[in-house]
């Protein structure tokens, strides 16, 4: 993983992702191309067992 965020197979960085907290540990999701896609992923991850926090992040 790049310091700027997750990478796609073509080595282009995805500008958005989702940070979640599971059992007190911060985790990052796969990258997404836009904020709407990231919001959809966030709502799915929020429903996962053990997730206590979720937020969309922009790697800008």
C-alpha atoms as a PDB file:
ATOM      1  CA  UNK A   1       0.000   0.000   0.000  1.00  0.00           C
ATOM      2  CA  UNK A   2       1.248   3.437  -0.888  1.00  0.00           C
ATOM      3  CA  UNK A   3       1.454   6.179   1.726  1.00  0.00           C
ATOM      4  CA  UNK A   4      -1.075   8.067  -0.396  1.00  0.00           C
ATOM      5  CA  UNK A   5      -3.659   5.309  -0.306  1.00  0.00           C
ATOM      6  CA  UNK A   6      -4.501   1.958  -1.866  1.00  0.00           C
ATOM      7  CA  UNK A   7      -3.273   1.303  -5.394  1.00  0.00           C
ATOM      8  CA  UNK A   8      -4.993  -0.231  -8.365  1.00  0.00           C
ATOM      9  CA  UNK A   9      -3.279  -2.762 -10.694  1.00  0.00           C
ATOM     10  CA  UNK A  10      -2.308   0.040 -13.104  1.00  0.00           C
ATOM     11  CA  UNK A  11      -0.398   1.863 -10.309  1.00  0.00           C
ATOM     12  CA  UNK A  12      -2.886   4.741 -10.269  1.00  0.00           C
ATOM     13  CA  UNK A  13      -3.936   5.732  -6.766  1.00  0.00           C
ATOM     14  CA  UNK A  14      -7.598   5.642  -5.828  1.00  0.00           C
ATOM     15  CA  UNK A  15      -8.504   8.975  -4.235  1.00  0.00           C
ATOM     16  CA  UNK A  16     -11.108   7.694  -1.714  1.00  0.00           C
ATOM     17  CA  UNK A  17     -11.430   4.862   0.760  1.00  0.00           C
ATOM     18  CA  UNK A  18     -13.101   3.971   4.043  1.00  0.00           C
ATOM     19  CA  UNK A  19     -11.425   3.845   7.454  1.00  0.00           C
ATOM     20  CA  UNK A  20     -13.101   1.521   9.936  1.00  0.00           C
ATOM     21  CA  UNK A  21     -12.399   0.542  13.535  1.00  0.00           C
ATOM     22  CA  UNK A  22     -12.756  -3.139  14.421  1.00  0.00           C
ATOM     23  CA  UNK A  23     -11.993  -4.251  17.955  1.00  0.00           C
ATOM     24  CA  UNK A  24     -10.129  -1.003  18.631  1.00  0.00           C
ATOM     25  CA  UNK A  25      -7.875  -1.391  15.572  1.00  0.00           C
ATOM     26  CA  UNK A  26      -8.001   1.092  12.676  1.00  0.00           C
ATOM     27  CA  UNK A  27      -8.314  -0.609   9.290  1.00  0.00           C
ATOM     28  CA  UNK A  28      -8.581   0.758   5.749  1.00  0.00           C
ATOM     29  CA  UNK A  29     -10.787  -0.547   2.967  1.00  0.00           C
ATOM     30  CA  UNK A  30      -9.922  -0.936  -0.668  1.00  0.00           C
ATOM     31  CA  UNK A  31      -9.763   2.341  -2.572  1.00  0.00           C
ATOM     32  CA  UNK A  32     -12.660   3.766  -4.543  1.00  0.00           C
ATOM     33  CA  UNK A  33     -12.812   6.116  -7.509  1.00  0.00           C
ATOM     34  CA  UNK A  34     -15.290   8.603  -6.070  1.00  0.00           C
ATOM     35  CA  UNK A  35     -17.026   9.786  -2.915  1.00  0.00           C
ATOM     36  CA  UNK A  36     -20.397   8.206  -3.798  1.00  0.00           C
ATOM     37  CA  UNK A  37     -18.797   4.777  -4.228  1.00  0.00           C
ATOM     38  CA  UNK A  38     -16.962   5.272  -0.904  1.00  0.00           C
ATOM     39  CA  UNK A  39     -20.210   6.221   0.881  1.00  0.00           C
ATOM     40  CA  UNK A  40     -21.857   3.026  -0.412  1.00  0.00           C
ATOM     41  CA  UNK A  41     -18.925   0.956   0.795  1.00  0.00           C
ATOM     42  CA  UNK A  42     -19.027   2.746   4.162  1.00  0.00           C
ATOM     43  CA  UNK A  43     -22.696   1.844   4.691  1.00  0.00           C
ATOM     44  CA  UNK A  44     -21.965  -1.808   3.941  1.00  0.00           C
ATOM     45  CA  UNK A  45     -18.960  -1.886   6.269  1.00  0.00           C
ATOM     46  CA  UNK A  46     -20.866  -0.165   9.101  1.00  0.00           C
ATOM     47  CA  UNK A  47     -23.237  -3.159   9.197  1.00  0.00           C
ATOM     48  CA  UNK A  48     -20.384  -5.659   9.548  1.00  0.00           C
ATOM     49  CA  UNK A  49     -19.964  -7.406  12.888  1.00  0.00           C
ATOM     50  CA  UNK A  50     -17.460  -5.728  15.204  1.00  0.00           C
ATOM     51  CA  UNK A  51     -17.234  -2.418  13.345  1.00  0.00           C
ATOM     52  CA  UNK A  52     -17.505   0.447  15.839  1.00  0.00           C
ATOM     53  CA  UNK A  53     -16.639   3.405  13.581  1.00  0.00           C
ATOM     54  CA  UNK A  54     -16.464   4.135   9.853  1.00  0.00           C
ATOM     55  CA  UNK A  55     -15.584   7.218   7.847  1.00  0.00           C
ATOM     56  CA  UNK A  56     -14.863   8.094   4.225  1.00  0.00           C
ATOM     57  CA  UNK A  57     -11.293   9.307   3.727  1.00  0.00           C
ATOM     58  CA  UNK A  58      -9.863  11.316   0.831  1.00  0.00           C
ATOM     59  CA  UNK A  59      -6.222  10.589   0.127  1.00  0.00           C
ATOM     60  CA  UNK A  60      -5.909  13.827  -1.898  1.00  0.00           C
END
